[in-house]
């Protein structure tokens, strides 16, 4: 298996029964458009060339070693992750921002 398309399937967590170590030919893992808040550390067992797409998920605390160790994440995915995290942490509205810009 080289592709897993799980975008928009309604997951709030990644199923425990996925054995990432056995997916040694996986190149593409689409997790976008779900409600996933955390990526399990076991995802580091995916092949180095696997691209994981996580956009449009309310990611809160994925272990950073998932991104740094064994997973090649696309730049767009990284950008979406940090943008969503930054907005959630900042907790400000567009109106508040506009009030500070003259």
PDB file of N, CA and C in Angstrom:
ATOM      1  N   UNK A   1       0.846  -1.172   0.000  1.00  0.00           N
ATOM      2  CA  UNK A   1       0.000   0.000   0.000  1.00  0.00           C
ATOM      3  C   UNK A   1       0.894   1.238   0.000  1.00  0.00           C
ATOM      4  N   UNK A   2       0.656   2.143  -0.939  1.00  0.00           N
ATOM      5  CA  UNK A   2       1.472   3.353  -1.020  1.00  0.00           C
ATOM      6  C   UNK A   2       0.709   4.611  -0.608  1.00  0.00           C
ATOM      7  N   UNK A   3      -0.624   4.549  -0.608  1.00  0.00           N
ATOM      8  CA  UNK A   3      -1.429   5.724  -0.273  1.00  0.00           C
ATOM      9  C   UNK A   3      -2.537   5.346   0.707  1.00  0.00           C
ATOM     10  N   UNK A   4      -2.736   6.201   1.705  1.00  0.00           N
ATOM     11  CA  UNK A   4      -3.905   6.096   2.576  1.00  0.00           C
ATOM     12  C   UNK A   4      -4.609   7.443   2.503  1.00  0.00           C
ATOM     13  N   UNK A   5      -5.854   7.404   2.056  1.00  0.00           N
ATOM     14  CA  UNK A   5      -6.662   8.615   1.969  1.00  0.00           C
ATOM     15  C   UNK A   5      -7.705   8.537   3.082  1.00  0.00           C
ATOM     16  N   UNK A   6      -7.473   9.282   4.147  1.00  0.00           N
ATOM     17  CA  UNK A   6      -8.395   9.309   5.277  1.00  0.00           C
ATOM     18  C   UNK A   6      -8.870  10.735   5.534  1.00  0.00           C
ATOM     19  N   UNK A   7      -8.819  11.559   4.513  1.00  0.00           N
ATOM     20  CA  UNK A   7      -9.274  12.933   4.639  1.00  0.00           C
ATOM     21  C   UNK A   7     -10.783  12.995   4.750  1.00  0.00           C
ATOM     22  N   UNK A   8     -11.263  13.755   5.726  1.00  0.00           N
ATOM     23  CA  UNK A   8     -12.691  13.979   5.884  1.00  0.00           C
ATOM     24  C   UNK A   8     -13.493  12.761   6.310  1.00  0.00           C
ATOM     25  N   UNK A   9     -12.854  11.808   6.983  1.00  0.00           N
ATOM     26  CA  UNK A   9     -13.575  10.604   7.411  1.00  0.00           C
ATOM     27  C   UNK A   9     -14.165  10.737   8.812  1.00  0.00           C
ATOM     28  N   UNK A  10     -13.968  11.872   9.449  1.00  0.00           N
ATOM     29  CA  UNK A  10     -14.557  12.116  10.760  1.00  0.00           C
ATOM     30  C   UNK A  10     -13.728  11.640  11.944  1.00  0.00           C
ATOM     31  N   UNK A  11     -12.467  11.351  11.729  1.00  0.00           N
ATOM     32  CA  UNK A  11     -11.612  10.900  12.831  1.00  0.00           C
ATOM     33  C   UNK A  11     -11.332  12.037  13.798  1.00  0.00           C
ATOM     34  N   UNK A  12     -11.423  11.746  15.096  1.00  0.00           N
ATOM     35  CA  UNK A  12     -10.962  12.689  16.112  1.00  0.00           C
ATOM     36  C   UNK A  12      -9.635  12.210  16.687  1.00  0.00           C
ATOM     37  N   UNK A  13      -9.367  10.932  16.537  1.00  0.00           N
ATOM     38  CA  UNK A  13      -8.075  10.338  16.886  1.00  0.00           C
ATOM     39  C   UNK A  13      -7.690   9.381  15.767  1.00  0.00           C
ATOM     40  N   UNK A  14      -6.408   9.129  15.645  1.00  0.00           N
ATOM     41  CA  UNK A  14      -5.947   8.143  14.673  1.00  0.00           C
ATOM     42  C   UNK A  14      -6.144   6.769  15.305  1.00  0.00           C
ATOM     43  N   UNK A  15      -6.808   5.853  14.608  1.00  0.00           N
ATOM     44  CA  UNK A  15      -7.106   4.541  15.193  1.00  0.00           C
ATOM     45  C   UNK A  15      -5.867   3.828  15.736  1.00  0.00           C
ATOM     46  N   UNK A  16      -6.023   3.226  16.917  1.00  0.00           N
ATOM     47  CA  UNK A  16      -4.927   2.517  17.578  1.00  0.00           C
ATOM     48  C   UNK A  16      -4.465   1.287  16.819  1.00  0.00           C
ATOM     49  N   UNK A  17      -5.331   0.720  15.996  1.00  0.00           N
ATOM     50  CA  UNK A  17      -4.979  -0.531  15.336  1.00  0.00           C
ATOM     51  C   UNK A  17      -4.129  -0.355  14.076  1.00  0.00           C
ATOM     52  N   UNK A  18      -3.745   0.869  13.748  1.00  0.00           N
ATOM     53  CA  UNK A  18      -2.845   1.073  12.609  1.00  0.00           C
ATOM     54  C   UNK A  18      -1.421   0.781  13.076  1.00  0.00           C
ATOM     55  N   UNK A  19      -0.789  -0.212  12.465  1.00  0.00           N
ATOM     56  CA  UNK A  19       0.603  -0.559  12.782  1.00  0.00           C
ATOM     57  C   UNK A  19       1.499   0.150  11.766  1.00  0.00           C
ATOM     58  N   UNK A  20       1.966   1.330  12.128  1.00  0.00           N
ATOM     59  CA  UNK A  20       2.749   2.146  11.201  1.00  0.00           C
ATOM     60  C   UNK A  20       4.042   1.464  10.770  1.00  0.00           C
ATOM     61  N   UNK A  21       4.591   0.602  11.598  1.00  0.00           N
ATOM     62  CA  UNK A  21       5.814  -0.111  11.258  1.00  0.00           C
ATOM     63  C   UNK A  21       5.658  -1.053  10.080  1.00  0.00           C
ATOM     64  N   UNK A  22       4.429  -1.506   9.826  1.00  0.00           N
ATOM     65  CA  UNK A  22       4.180  -2.424   8.708  1.00  0.00           C
ATOM     66  C   UNK A  22       3.869  -1.698   7.402  1.00  0.00           C
ATOM     67  N   UNK A  23       3.749  -0.388   7.459  1.00  0.00           N
ATOM     68  CA  UNK A  23       3.420   0.394   6.259  1.00  0.00           C
ATOM     69  C   UNK A  23       4.700   0.901   5.600  1.00  0.00           C
ATOM     70  N   UNK A  24       5.623  -0.004   5.322  1.00  0.00           N
ATOM     71  CA  UNK A  24       6.956   0.383   4.849  1.00  0.00           C
ATOM     72  C   UNK A  24       6.996   0.880   3.409  1.00  0.00           C
ATOM     73  N   UNK A  25       5.902   0.803   2.681  1.00  0.00           N
ATOM     74  CA  UNK A  25       5.855   1.329   1.314  1.00  0.00           C
ATOM     75  C   UNK A  25       4.981   2.579   1.203  1.00  0.00           C
ATOM     76  N   UNK A  26       4.472   3.043   2.347  1.00  0.00           N
ATOM     77  CA  UNK A  26       3.566   4.189   2.331  1.00  0.00           C
ATOM     78  C   UNK A  26       4.308   5.459   1.916  1.00  0.00           C
ATOM     79  N   UNK A  27       3.734   6.171   0.945  1.00  0.00           N
ATOM     80  CA  UNK A  27       4.314   7.419   0.438  1.00  0.00           C
ATOM     81  C   UNK A  27       3.434   8.622   0.741  1.00  0.00           C
ATOM     82  N   UNK A  28       2.153   8.414   0.962  1.00  0.00           N
ATOM     83  CA  UNK A  28       1.185   9.506   1.076  1.00  0.00           C
ATOM     84  C   UNK A  28       0.129   9.120   2.101  1.00  0.00           C
ATOM     85  N   UNK A  29      -0.045   9.949   3.127  1.00  0.00           N
ATOM     86  CA  UNK A  29      -1.032   9.696   4.177  1.00  0.00           C
ATOM     87  C   UNK A  29      -1.837  10.973   4.361  1.00  0.00           C
ATOM     88  N   UNK A  30      -3.051  10.989   3.838  1.00  0.00           N
ATOM     89  CA  UNK A  30      -3.907  12.172   3.914  1.00  0.00           C
ATOM     90  C   UNK A  30      -4.821  12.064   5.131  1.00  0.00           C
ATOM     91  N   UNK A  31      -4.591  12.924   6.108  1.00  0.00           N
ATOM     92  CA  UNK A  31      -5.404  12.996   7.323  1.00  0.00           C
ATOM     93  C   UNK A  31      -6.192  14.301   7.389  1.00  0.00           C
ATOM     94  N   UNK A  32      -6.212  15.052   6.314  1.00  0.00           N
ATOM     95  CA  UNK A  32      -6.811  16.385   6.327  1.00  0.00           C
ATOM     96  C   UNK A  32      -8.324  16.341   6.550  1.00  0.00           C
ATOM     97  N   UNK A  33      -8.851  17.476   6.977  1.00  0.00           N
ATOM     98  CA  UNK A  33     -10.295  17.665   7.155  1.00  0.00           C
ATOM     99  C   UNK A  33     -10.924  16.680   8.132  1.00  0.00           C
ATOM    100  N   UNK A  34     -10.291  16.498   9.261  1.00  0.00           N
ATOM    101  CA  UNK A  34     -10.830  15.666  10.330  1.00  0.00           C
ATOM    102  C   UNK A  34     -10.885  16.495  11.606  1.00  0.00           C
ATOM    103  N   UNK A  35     -10.933  15.845  12.742  1.00  0.00           N
ATOM    104  CA  UNK A  35     -10.940  16.532  14.040  1.00  0.00           C
ATOM    105  C   UNK A  35      -9.798  16.035  14.912  1.00  0.00           C
ATOM    106  N   UNK A  36      -8.677  15.709  14.294  1.00  0.00           N
ATOM    107  CA  UNK A  36      -7.535  15.130  14.995  1.00  0.00           C
ATOM    108  C   UNK A  36      -6.809  16.214  15.782  1.00  0.00           C
ATOM    109  N   UNK A  37      -6.585  15.963  17.071  1.00  0.00           N
ATOM    110  CA  UNK A  37      -5.889  16.914  17.932  1.00  0.00           C
ATOM    111  C   UNK A  37      -4.461  16.498  18.229  1.00  0.00           C
ATOM    112  N   UNK A  38      -4.160  15.209  18.072  1.00  0.00           N
ATOM    113  CA  UNK A  38      -2.825  14.730  18.409  1.00  0.00           C
ATOM    114  C   UNK A  38      -2.386  13.644  17.433  1.00  0.00           C
ATOM    115  N   UNK A  39      -1.150  13.753  16.968  1.00  0.00           N
ATOM    116  CA  UNK A  39      -0.555  12.710  16.138  1.00  0.00           C
ATOM    117  C   UNK A  39       0.249  11.789  17.053  1.00  0.00           C
ATOM    118  N   UNK A  40       0.021  10.486  16.976  1.00  0.00           N
ATOM    119  CA  UNK A  40       0.761   9.583  17.855  1.00  0.00           C
ATOM    120  C   UNK A  40       2.236   9.495  17.482  1.00  0.00           C
ATOM    121  N   UNK A  41       3.068   9.331  18.493  1.00  0.00           N
ATOM    122  CA  UNK A  41       4.504   9.202  18.261  1.00  0.00           C
ATOM    123  C   UNK A  41       4.819   8.003  17.379  1.00  0.00           C
ATOM    124  N   UNK A  42       3.973   6.990  17.410  1.00  0.00           N
ATOM    125  CA  UNK A  42       4.202   5.792  16.598  1.00  0.00           C
ATOM    126  C   UNK A  42       4.241   6.093  15.102  1.00  0.00           C
ATOM    127  N   UNK A  43       3.775   7.272  14.701  1.00  0.00           N
ATOM    128  CA  UNK A  43       3.847   7.643  13.285  1.00  0.00           C
ATOM    129  C   UNK A  43       5.291   7.820  12.828  1.00  0.00           C
ATOM    130  N   UNK A  44       6.219   7.911  13.757  1.00  0.00           N
ATOM    131  CA  UNK A  44       7.630   8.008  13.370  1.00  0.00           C
ATOM    132  C   UNK A  44       8.125   6.713  12.745  1.00  0.00           C
ATOM    133  N   UNK A  45       7.335   5.653  12.839  1.00  0.00           N
ATOM    134  CA  UNK A  45       7.697   4.387  12.206  1.00  0.00           C
ATOM    135  C   UNK A  45       7.359   4.350  10.724  1.00  0.00           C
ATOM    136  N   UNK A  46       6.742   5.398  10.208  1.00  0.00           N
ATOM    137  CA  UNK A  46       6.457   5.476   8.777  1.00  0.00           C
ATOM    138  C   UNK A  46       7.755   5.693   8.005  1.00  0.00           C
ATOM    139  N   UNK A  47       7.779   5.332   6.723  1.00  0.00           N
ATOM    140  CA  UNK A  47       8.994   5.535   5.917  1.00  0.00           C
ATOM    141  C   UNK A  47       9.392   7.008   5.839  1.00  0.00           C
ATOM    142  N   UNK A  48      10.675   7.261   5.676  1.00  0.00           N
ATOM    143  CA  UNK A  48      11.196   8.630   5.599  1.00  0.00           C
ATOM    144  C   UNK A  48      10.556   9.447   4.483  1.00  0.00           C
ATOM    145  N   UNK A  49      10.210   8.797   3.375  1.00  0.00           N
ATOM    146  CA  UNK A  49       9.670   9.542   2.233  1.00  0.00           C
ATOM    147  C   UNK A  49       8.151   9.702   2.283  1.00  0.00           C
ATOM    148  N   UNK A  50       7.517   9.286   3.365  1.00  0.00           N
ATOM    149  CA  UNK A  50       6.066   9.409   3.483  1.00  0.00           C
ATOM    150  C   UNK A  50       5.690  10.864   3.758  1.00  0.00           C
ATOM    151  N   UNK A  51       4.752  11.369   2.994  1.00  0.00           N
ATOM    152  CA  UNK A  51       4.246  12.727   3.191  1.00  0.00           C
ATOM    153  C   UNK A  51       2.918  12.625   3.938  1.00  0.00           C
ATOM    154  N   UNK A  52       2.819  13.369   5.020  1.00  0.00           N
ATOM    155  CA  UNK A  52       1.612  13.353   5.845  1.00  0.00           C
ATOM    156  C   UNK A  52       0.924  14.703   5.712  1.00  0.00           C
ATOM    157  N   UNK A  53      -0.341  14.670   5.330  1.00  0.00           N
ATOM    158  CA  UNK A  53      -1.107  15.894   5.170  1.00  0.00           C
ATOM    159  C   UNK A  53      -2.104  16.004   6.315  1.00  0.00           C
ATOM    160  N   UNK A  54      -1.974  17.063   7.112  1.00  0.00           N
ATOM    161  CA  UNK A  54      -2.770  17.223   8.328  1.00  0.00           C
ATOM    162  C   UNK A  54      -3.613  18.494   8.335  1.00  0.00           C
ATOM    163  N   UNK A  55      -3.709  19.188   7.232  1.00  0.00           N
ATOM    164  CA  UNK A  55      -4.447  20.448   7.185  1.00  0.00           C
ATOM    165  C   UNK A  55      -5.896  20.294   7.608  1.00  0.00           C
ATOM    166  N   UNK A  56      -6.413  21.361   8.180  1.00  0.00           N
ATOM    167  CA  UNK A  56      -7.808  21.443   8.629  1.00  0.00           C
ATOM    168  C   UNK A  56      -8.130  20.407   9.704  1.00  0.00           C
ATOM    169  N   UNK A  57      -7.201  20.284  10.632  1.00  0.00           N
ATOM    170  CA  UNK A  57      -7.384  19.507  11.854  1.00  0.00           C
ATOM    171  C   UNK A  57      -7.053  20.438  13.016  1.00  0.00           C
ATOM    172  N   UNK A  58      -7.744  20.312  14.137  1.00  0.00           N
ATOM    173  CA  UNK A  58      -7.437  21.174  15.280  1.00  0.00           C
ATOM    174  C   UNK A  58      -6.254  20.641  16.095  1.00  0.00           C
ATOM    175  N   UNK A  59      -5.120  20.457  15.435  1.00  0.00           N
ATOM    176  CA  UNK A  59      -3.940  19.913  16.112  1.00  0.00           C
ATOM    177  C   UNK A  59      -3.544  20.805  17.280  1.00  0.00           C
ATOM    178  N   UNK A  60      -3.377  20.195  18.444  1.00  0.00           N
ATOM    179  CA  UNK A  60      -3.008  20.936  19.650  1.00  0.00           C
ATOM    180  C   UNK A  60      -1.619  20.571  20.141  1.00  0.00           C
ATOM    181  N   UNK A  61      -1.338  19.308  20.241  1.00  0.00           N
ATOM    182  CA  UNK A  61      -0.061  18.923  20.837  1.00  0.00           C
ATOM    183  C   UNK A  61       0.567  17.713  20.143  1.00  0.00           C
ATOM    184  N   UNK A  62       0.825  17.793  18.868  1.00  0.00           N
ATOM    185  CA  UNK A  62       1.570  16.673  18.266  1.00  0.00           C
ATOM    186  C   UNK A  62       3.002  16.695  18.781  1.00  0.00           C
ATOM    187  N   UNK A  63       3.556  15.526  19.086  1.00  0.00           N
ATOM    188  CA  UNK A  63       4.956  15.501  19.524  1.00  0.00           C
ATOM    189  C   UNK A  63       5.850  16.051  18.416  1.00  0.00           C
ATOM    190  N   UNK A  64       6.670  17.008  18.741  1.00  0.00           N
ATOM    191  CA  UNK A  64       7.510  17.623  17.714  1.00  0.00           C
ATOM    192  C   UNK A  64       8.472  16.626  17.084  1.00  0.00           C
ATOM    193  N   UNK A  65       8.852  15.559  17.818  1.00  0.00           N
ATOM    194  CA  UNK A  65       9.751  14.574  17.227  1.00  0.00           C
ATOM    195  C   UNK A  65       9.100  13.845  16.052  1.00  0.00           C
ATOM    196  N   UNK A  66       7.770  13.865  15.967  1.00  0.00           N
ATOM    197  CA  UNK A  66       7.107  13.276  14.806  1.00  0.00           C
ATOM    198  C   UNK A  66       7.550  14.009  13.548  1.00  0.00           C
ATOM    199  N   UNK A  67       7.674  15.324  13.643  1.00  0.00           N
ATOM    200  CA  UNK A  67       8.076  16.105  12.483  1.00  0.00           C
ATOM    201  C   UNK A  67       9.578  16.073  12.273  1.00  0.00           C
ATOM    202  N   UNK A  68      10.338  16.001  13.333  1.00  0.00           N
ATOM    203  CA  UNK A  68      11.792  16.107  13.225  1.00  0.00           C
ATOM    204  C   UNK A  68      12.495  14.788  12.927  1.00  0.00           C
ATOM    205  N   UNK A  69      11.973  13.657  13.383  1.00  0.00           N
ATOM    206  CA  UNK A  69      12.695  12.396  13.270  1.00  0.00           C
ATOM    207  C   UNK A  69      12.547  11.720  11.911  1.00  0.00           C
ATOM    208  N   UNK A  70      11.402  11.122  11.650  1.00  0.00           N
ATOM    209  CA  UNK A  70      11.276  10.230  10.502  1.00  0.00           C
ATOM    210  C   UNK A  70      10.225  10.620   9.485  1.00  0.00           C
ATOM    211  N   UNK A  71       9.575  11.731   9.653  1.00  0.00           N
ATOM    212  CA  UNK A  71       8.455  12.044   8.786  1.00  0.00           C
ATOM    213  C   UNK A  71       8.743  13.290   7.964  1.00  0.00           C
ATOM    214  N   UNK A  72       8.667  13.158   6.657  1.00  0.00           N
ATOM    215  CA  UNK A  72       8.789  14.310   5.768  1.00  0.00           C
ATOM    216  C   UNK A  72       7.402  14.901   5.593  1.00  0.00           C
ATOM    217  N   UNK A  73       7.164  16.053   6.160  1.00  0.00           N
ATOM    218  CA  UNK A  73       5.882  16.725   6.074  1.00  0.00           C
ATOM    219  C   UNK A  73       6.008  17.821   5.033  1.00  0.00           C
ATOM    220  N   UNK A  74       4.995  17.977   4.206  1.00  0.00           N
ATOM    221  CA  UNK A  74       5.073  19.008   3.174  1.00  0.00           C
ATOM    222  C   UNK A  74       5.125  20.397   3.813  1.00  0.00           C
ATOM    223  N   UNK A  75       5.778  21.346   3.157  1.00  0.00           N
ATOM    224  CA  UNK A  75       5.831  22.710   3.700  1.00  0.00           C
ATOM    225  C   UNK A  75       4.441  23.308   3.938  1.00  0.00           C
ATOM    226  N   UNK A  76       3.507  23.021   3.049  1.00  0.00           N
ATOM    227  CA  UNK A  76       2.153  23.552   3.229  1.00  0.00           C
ATOM    228  C   UNK A  76       1.500  22.992   4.487  1.00  0.00           C
ATOM    229  N   UNK A  77       1.743  21.730   4.769  1.00  0.00           N
ATOM    230  CA  UNK A  77       1.179  21.119   5.969  1.00  0.00           C
ATOM    231  C   UNK A  77       1.774  21.749   7.215  1.00  0.00           C
ATOM    232  N   UNK A  78       3.081  21.938   7.210  1.00  0.00           N
ATOM    233  CA  UNK A  78       3.726  22.587   8.354  1.00  0.00           C
ATOM    234  C   UNK A  78       3.154  23.989   8.542  1.00  0.00           C
ATOM    235  N   UNK A  79       3.019  24.717   7.449  1.00  0.00           N
ATOM    236  CA  UNK A  79       2.472  26.069   7.526  1.00  0.00           C
ATOM    237  C   UNK A  79       1.071  26.097   8.104  1.00  0.00           C
ATOM    238  N   UNK A  80       0.215  25.193   7.646  1.00  0.00           N
ATOM    239  CA  UNK A  80      -1.152  25.141   8.183  1.00  0.00           C
ATOM    240  C   UNK A  80      -1.143  24.787   9.662  1.00  0.00           C
ATOM    241  N   UNK A  81      -0.283  23.846  10.045  1.00  0.00           N
ATOM    242  CA  UNK A  81      -0.220  23.454  11.460  1.00  0.00           C
ATOM    243  C   UNK A  81       0.146  24.641  12.330  1.00  0.00           C
ATOM    244  N   UNK A  82       1.236  25.335  11.962  1.00  0.00           N
ATOM    245  CA  UNK A  82       1.671  26.453  12.795  1.00  0.00           C
ATOM    246  C   UNK A  82       0.674  27.604  12.777  1.00  0.00           C
ATOM    247  N   UNK A  83       0.029  27.837  11.656  1.00  0.00           N
ATOM    248  CA  UNK A  83      -0.968  28.903  11.590  1.00  0.00           C
ATOM    249  C   UNK A  83      -2.151  28.599  12.506  1.00  0.00           C
ATOM    250  N   UNK A  84      -2.634  27.361  12.463  1.00  0.00           N
ATOM    251  CA  UNK A  84      -3.755  26.986  13.321  1.00  0.00           C
ATOM    252  C   UNK A  84      -3.361  27.039  14.792  1.00  0.00           C
ATOM    253  N   UNK A  85      -2.179  26.543  15.112  1.00  0.00           N
ATOM    254  CA  UNK A  85      -1.727  26.552  16.505  1.00  0.00           C
ATOM    255  C   UNK A  85      -1.552  27.979  17.010  1.00  0.00           C
ATOM    256  N   UNK A  86      -0.960  28.829  16.182  1.00  0.00           N
ATOM    257  CA  UNK A  86      -0.730  30.209  16.584  1.00  0.00           C
ATOM    258  C   UNK A  86      -2.054  30.928  16.833  1.00  0.00           C
ATOM    259  N   UNK A  87      -3.022  30.726  15.962  1.00  0.00           N
ATOM    260  CA  UNK A  87      -4.321  31.374  16.139  1.00  0.00           C
ATOM    261  C   UNK A  87      -5.019  30.884  17.400  1.00  0.00           C
ATOM    262  N   UNK A  88      -4.924  29.589  17.664  1.00  0.00           N
ATOM    263  CA  UNK A  88      -5.568  29.039  18.859  1.00  0.00           C
ATOM    264  C   UNK A  88      -4.918  29.586  20.125  1.00  0.00           C
ATOM    265  N   UNK A  89      -3.596  29.688  20.137  1.00  0.00           N
ATOM    266  CA  UNK A  89      -2.893  30.191  21.320  1.00  0.00           C
ATOM    267  C   UNK A  89      -3.093  31.689  21.496  1.00  0.00           C
ATOM    268  N   UNK A  90      -3.109  32.411  20.413  1.00  0.00           N
ATOM    269  CA  UNK A  90      -3.242  33.866  20.493  1.00  0.00           C
ATOM    270  C   UNK A  90      -4.621  34.266  21.006  1.00  0.00           C
ATOM    271  N   UNK A  91      -5.645  33.515  20.592  1.00  0.00           N
ATOM    272  CA  UNK A  91      -7.007  33.735  21.045  1.00  0.00           C
ATOM    273  C   UNK A  91      -7.439  35.196  20.906  1.00  0.00           C
ATOM    274  N   UNK A  92      -7.277  35.726  19.728  1.00  0.00           N
ATOM    275  CA  UNK A  92      -7.764  37.077  19.486  1.00  0.00           C
ATOM    276  C   UNK A  92      -8.620  37.090  18.233  1.00  0.00           C
ATOM    277  N   UNK A  93      -9.492  38.049  18.175  1.00  0.00           N
ATOM    278  CA  UNK A  93     -10.386  38.136  17.032  1.00  0.00           C
ATOM    279  C   UNK A  93      -9.849  39.133  16.020  1.00  0.00           C
ATOM    280  N   UNK A  94     -10.383  39.066  14.834  1.00  0.00           N
ATOM    281  CA  UNK A  94      -9.999  40.005  13.790  1.00  0.00           C
ATOM    282  C   UNK A  94     -10.333  41.432  14.205  1.00  0.00           C
ATOM    283  N   UNK A  95     -11.422  41.607  14.925  1.00  0.00           N
ATOM    284  CA  UNK A  95     -11.805  42.945  15.383  1.00  0.00           C
ATOM    285  C   UNK A  95     -10.775  43.517  16.349  1.00  0.00           C
ATOM    286  N   UNK A  96     -10.255  42.695  17.234  1.00  0.00           N
ATOM    287  CA  UNK A  96      -9.225  43.163  18.162  1.00  0.00           C
ATOM    288  C   UNK A  96      -7.979  43.581  17.393  1.00  0.00           C
ATOM    289  N   UNK A  97      -7.635  42.813  16.385  1.00  0.00           N
ATOM    290  CA  UNK A  97      -6.470  43.134  15.574  1.00  0.00           C
ATOM    291  C   UNK A  97      -6.686  44.452  14.835  1.00  0.00           C
ATOM    292  N   UNK A  98      -7.863  44.620  14.269  1.00  0.00           N
ATOM    293  CA  UNK A  98      -8.160  45.850  13.536  1.00  0.00           C
ATOM    294  C   UNK A  98      -8.091  47.076  14.445  1.00  0.00           C
ATOM    295  N   UNK A  99      -8.467  46.931  15.699  1.00  0.00           N
ATOM    296  CA  UNK A  99      -8.466  48.076  16.610  1.00  0.00           C
ATOM    297  C   UNK A  99      -7.055  48.573  16.908  1.00  0.00           C
ATOM    298  N   UNK A 100      -6.053  47.736  16.687  1.00  0.00           N
ATOM    299  CA  UNK A 100      -4.671  48.134  16.937  1.00  0.00           C
ATOM    300  C   UNK A 100      -3.961  48.627  15.684  1.00  0.00           C
ATOM    301  N   UNK A 101      -4.618  48.499  14.538  1.00  0.00           N
ATOM    302  CA  UNK A 101      -4.015  48.933  13.278  1.00  0.00           C
ATOM    303  C   UNK A 101      -4.674  50.236  12.863  1.00  0.00           C
ATOM    304  N   UNK A 102      -3.876  51.233  12.613  1.00  0.00           N
ATOM    305  CA  UNK A 102      -4.426  52.543  12.239  1.00  0.00           C
ATOM    306  C   UNK A 102      -4.248  52.771  10.769  1.00  0.00           C
TER     307      UNK A 102
END
